N, C-alpha and C. Protein backbone atom coordinates (compact mmCIF):
# COMPACT_ATOMS: atom_id res chain seq x y z
N UNK A 1 9.87 -11.70 7.80
CA UNK A 1 10.34 -10.95 6.67
C UNK A 1 10.25 -12.13 6.50
N UNK A 2 10.24 -12.76 5.52
CA UNK A 2 10.36 -14.45 5.49
C UNK A 2 8.78 -13.95 4.95
N UNK A 3 7.27 -14.58 5.88
CA UNK A 3 5.94 -14.52 6.10
C UNK A 3 5.84 -12.97 4.73
N UNK A 4 6.50 -11.80 4.26
CA UNK A 4 5.75 -11.26 3.29
C UNK A 4 6.21 -12.13 2.65
N UNK A 5 7.67 -12.04 1.90
CA UNK A 5 7.41 -12.18 0.89
C UNK A 5 6.26 -13.79 0.67
N UNK A 6 6.43 -14.73 0.89
CA UNK A 6 5.24 -14.88 1.38
C UNK A 6 4.08 -14.52 0.70
N UNK A 7 4.02 -13.96 1.42
CA UNK A 7 2.52 -13.44 1.27
C UNK A 7 1.97 -12.44 0.23
N UNK A 8 3.34 -12.02 -0.81
CA UNK A 8 3.09 -11.49 -1.73
C UNK A 8 3.47 -12.26 -2.99
N UNK A 9 4.18 -13.48 -3.24
CA UNK A 9 4.76 -14.71 -4.37
C UNK A 9 3.39 -14.97 -4.37
N UNK A 10 2.32 -15.50 -2.86
CA UNK A 10 1.16 -15.97 -3.20
C UNK A 10 0.12 -15.23 -4.08
N UNK A 11 -0.43 -13.75 -3.52
CA UNK A 11 -1.35 -12.44 -3.86
C UNK A 11 -0.88 -12.45 -5.10
N UNK A 12 -0.05 -12.96 -5.53
CA UNK A 12 0.07 -12.49 -6.87
C UNK A 12 0.16 -13.75 -7.25
N UNK A 13 0.44 -14.99 -7.11
CA UNK A 13 0.24 -15.73 -8.07
C UNK A 13 -1.94 -15.66 -7.73
N UNK A 14 -2.35 -15.48 -6.90
CA UNK A 14 -4.04 -15.71 -6.87
C UNK A 14 -4.21 -14.28 -8.09
N UNK A 15 -3.61 -12.90 -8.17
CA UNK A 15 -4.07 -12.10 -9.44
C UNK A 15 -4.23 -12.57 -10.39
N UNK A 16 -2.61 -13.56 -11.06
CA UNK A 16 -2.71 -13.73 -12.42
C UNK A 16 -3.54 -15.42 -12.21
N UNK A 17 -4.11 -16.08 -12.14
CA UNK A 17 -5.43 -16.62 -11.40
C UNK A 17 -6.16 -16.25 -11.85
N UNK A 18 -6.60 -15.27 -10.97
CA UNK A 18 -7.94 -14.71 -11.51
C UNK A 18 -7.51 -13.88 -13.21
N UNK A 19 -6.23 -13.20 -13.25
CA UNK A 19 -7.53 -12.55 -14.41
C UNK A 19 -7.65 -13.74 -15.16
N UNK A 20 -6.39 -14.89 -15.90
CA UNK A 20 -6.57 -15.96 -16.11
C UNK A 20 -8.31 -16.54 -16.37
N UNK A 21 -9.02 -17.00 -14.91
CA UNK A 21 -10.05 -17.01 -14.63
C UNK A 21 -10.92 -16.58 -15.41
N UNK A 22 -11.76 -15.38 -15.25
CA UNK A 22 -12.01 -13.86 -15.66
C UNK A 22 -12.09 -14.03 -17.26
N UNK A 23 -11.42 -13.91 -17.84
CA UNK A 23 -11.34 -14.53 -19.03
C UNK A 23 -11.75 -15.96 -19.78
N UNK A 24 -11.94 -16.56 -19.11
CA UNK A 24 -12.21 -18.13 -19.08
C UNK A 24 -13.69 -17.82 -19.11
N UNK A 25 -14.29 -17.76 -17.91
CA UNK A 25 -15.53 -17.14 -17.92
C UNK A 25 -15.75 -16.35 -18.55
N UNK A 26 -15.35 -14.72 -19.77
CA UNK A 26 -15.17 -13.97 -20.88
C UNK A 26 -16.01 -14.91 -21.41
N UNK A 27 -15.05 -16.31 -21.79
CA UNK A 27 -15.61 -16.82 -23.13
C UNK A 27 -15.95 -17.63 -23.21
N UNK A 28 -17.05 -18.27 -21.88
CA UNK A 28 -17.44 -19.26 -21.51
C UNK A 28 -19.34 -18.87 -21.18
N UNK A 29 -18.75 -17.41 -20.57
CA UNK A 29 -20.60 -16.32 -20.47
C UNK A 29 -20.71 -16.90 -19.24
N UNK A 30 -19.89 -17.52 -18.58
CA UNK A 30 -19.98 -17.31 -16.67
C UNK A 30 -19.86 -16.18 -16.07
N UNK A 31 -20.16 -17.08 -14.59
CA UNK A 31 -20.45 -14.81 -13.77
C UNK A 31 -19.38 -14.64 -13.85
N UNK A 32 -18.80 -13.30 -13.62
CA UNK A 32 -16.88 -13.41 -13.09
C UNK A 32 -16.99 -12.61 -13.02
N UNK A 33 -15.52 -12.85 -12.83
CA UNK A 33 -14.67 -11.67 -11.80
C UNK A 33 -15.04 -10.45 -11.18
N UNK A 34 -15.51 -10.22 -10.08
CA UNK A 34 -15.47 -8.15 -9.92
C UNK A 34 -15.03 -7.54 -10.10
N UNK A 35 -15.21 -6.47 -11.21
CA UNK A 35 -13.55 -5.27 -11.18
C UNK A 35 -13.04 -4.79 -9.97
N UNK A 36 -13.65 -5.61 -8.81
CA UNK A 36 -13.58 -4.43 -7.69
C UNK A 36 -12.42 -5.82 -6.99
N UNK A 37 -12.63 -6.48 -6.99
CA UNK A 37 -11.79 -7.83 -6.48
C UNK A 37 -10.08 -7.95 -7.40
N UNK A 38 -10.65 -7.92 -8.59
CA UNK A 38 -9.26 -7.89 -9.61
C UNK A 38 -8.39 -6.31 -8.64
N UNK A 39 -9.01 -5.56 -9.34
CA UNK A 39 -8.42 -4.32 -8.78
C UNK A 39 -7.81 -4.34 -6.94
N UNK A 40 -8.54 -4.61 -6.24
CA UNK A 40 -8.99 -4.64 -4.40
C UNK A 40 -7.34 -5.36 -4.45
N UNK A 41 -7.34 -6.94 -5.49
CA UNK A 41 -5.94 -7.80 -5.31
C UNK A 41 -4.05 -7.42 -5.42
N UNK A 42 -5.21 -6.35 -6.60
CA UNK A 42 -3.64 -5.42 -7.17
C UNK A 42 -3.37 -4.89 -5.67
N UNK A 43 -4.26 -4.03 -5.92
CA UNK A 43 -4.49 -2.93 -4.83
C UNK A 43 -3.33 -3.47 -3.74
N UNK A 44 -3.24 -4.07 -2.90
CA UNK A 44 -2.74 -5.32 -1.88
C UNK A 44 -1.95 -5.61 -1.76
N UNK A 45 -1.51 -5.47 -3.45
CA UNK A 45 -0.16 -5.90 -3.36
C UNK A 45 0.45 -6.82 -5.22
N UNK A 46 -0.90 -7.22 -5.37
CA UNK A 46 -0.81 -8.06 -6.22
C UNK A 46 -0.71 -7.86 -7.89
N UNK A 47 0.02 -6.24 -7.64
CA UNK A 47 0.30 -5.74 -9.32
C UNK A 47 1.17 -7.11 -10.25
N UNK A 48 2.06 -7.49 -10.08
CA UNK A 48 3.06 -7.91 -10.98
C UNK A 48 1.75 -8.97 -11.31
N UNK A 49 1.70 -9.97 -11.03
CA UNK A 49 0.37 -11.02 -10.91
C UNK A 49 -0.49 -10.25 -11.66
N UNK A 50 -1.14 -9.01 -11.49
CA UNK A 50 -1.87 -8.98 -12.22
C UNK A 50 -1.69 -8.37 -13.88
N UNK A 51 -0.32 -7.40 -13.71
CA UNK A 51 0.46 -7.36 -15.02
C UNK A 51 0.55 -8.43 -15.49
N UNK A 52 0.81 -9.35 -15.06
CA UNK A 52 1.05 -10.97 -15.84
C UNK A 52 -0.35 -11.59 -16.46
N UNK A 53 -0.57 -11.47 -16.04
CA UNK A 53 -2.60 -11.77 -16.39
C UNK A 53 -2.87 -10.83 -17.27
N UNK A 54 -3.10 -9.65 -17.48
CA UNK A 54 -3.18 -8.84 -18.13
C UNK A 54 -2.80 -9.01 -19.85
N UNK A 55 -2.02 -8.52 -19.47
CA UNK A 55 -0.84 -9.34 -20.60
C UNK A 55 -0.85 -11.25 -21.63
N UNK A 56 -0.36 -11.91 -20.53
CA UNK A 56 -0.30 -13.31 -21.08
C UNK A 56 -1.84 -13.70 -21.24
N UNK A 57 -3.17 -13.71 -21.19
CA UNK A 57 -4.30 -13.40 -21.07
C UNK A 57 -5.34 -12.69 -21.97
N UNK A 58 -4.02 -11.78 -22.62
CA UNK A 58 -4.91 -10.54 -23.46
C UNK A 58 -6.07 -10.35 -22.22
N UNK A 59 -6.94 -9.87 -21.57
CA UNK A 59 -7.61 -10.15 -21.24
C UNK A 59 -7.76 -8.08 -19.94
N UNK A 60 -8.66 -7.42 -20.41
CA UNK A 60 -8.76 -5.82 -19.68
C UNK A 60 -7.66 -5.12 -20.53
N UNK A 61 -6.95 -5.37 -21.18
CA UNK A 61 -6.50 -4.54 -22.56
C UNK A 61 -6.43 -3.94 -23.03
N UNK A 62 -8.20 -3.53 -23.16
CA UNK A 62 -8.84 -2.62 -24.09
C UNK A 62 -9.00 -1.40 -22.97
N UNK A 63 -9.40 -1.96 -21.00
CA UNK A 63 -10.23 -0.85 -20.27
C UNK A 63 -9.10 -0.11 -19.44
N UNK A 64 -9.44 1.47 -19.47
CA UNK A 64 -8.49 2.24 -19.28
C UNK A 64 -8.18 2.25 -18.45
N UNK A 65 -8.92 1.79 -16.93
CA UNK A 65 -9.02 1.77 -15.43
C UNK A 65 -8.02 0.92 -14.97
N UNK A 66 -7.58 -0.12 -16.26
CA UNK A 66 -6.29 -1.52 -15.70
C UNK A 66 -5.28 -0.92 -16.59
N UNK A 67 -5.69 -0.45 -17.75
CA UNK A 67 -4.32 -0.47 -18.83
C UNK A 67 -3.34 0.88 -18.25
N UNK A 68 -4.23 2.28 -17.71
CA UNK A 68 -3.39 2.88 -16.85
C UNK A 68 -3.13 2.80 -15.38
N UNK A 69 -4.31 2.07 -14.53
CA UNK A 69 -4.21 1.96 -13.17
C UNK A 69 -3.72 0.17 -12.65
N UNK A 70 -3.12 -0.13 -13.73
CA UNK A 70 -1.85 -1.73 -12.85
C UNK A 70 -1.15 -0.76 -12.35
N UNK A 71 -0.37 0.18 -14.08
CA UNK A 71 1.29 0.11 -13.80
C UNK A 71 1.34 0.96 -12.53
N UNK A 72 0.39 2.41 -12.69
CA UNK A 72 0.68 3.29 -11.44
C UNK A 72 0.49 2.61 -10.19
N UNK A 73 -0.21 1.13 -10.04
CA UNK A 73 -0.03 1.07 -8.29
C UNK A 73 1.19 0.10 -8.24
N UNK A 74 1.59 -0.71 -9.55
CA UNK A 74 2.63 -1.34 -9.06
C UNK A 74 3.78 0.29 -9.37
N UNK A 75 3.97 1.07 -9.75
CA UNK A 75 4.58 2.54 -9.42
C UNK A 75 4.66 2.25 -7.50
N UNK A 76 3.53 3.12 -7.32
CA UNK A 76 3.42 2.90 -5.85
C UNK A 76 3.52 2.51 -5.51
N UNK A 77 3.21 1.24 -5.34
CA UNK A 77 3.84 -0.13 -4.70
C UNK A 77 5.34 -0.37 -4.12
N UNK A 78 6.20 -0.16 -5.27
CA UNK A 78 7.40 -0.14 -5.58
C UNK A 78 8.33 0.87 -4.38
């Protein structure tokens, strides 16, 4: 059970960081993090980190499948 907690904490931190990196890459015209990667880690258990990353970095908040998809993933995971 302890390892499961570590898994979810680390995965959510990773998702949060990925959203921040993708925002930074976007602003600096660098190669971006794939949508498949962002959504995939959210599905694997990082939906809370993704939600925080979206709204703290103000990134992907205009894309419908993030605005509706990440909260749906979060509800399903609960």
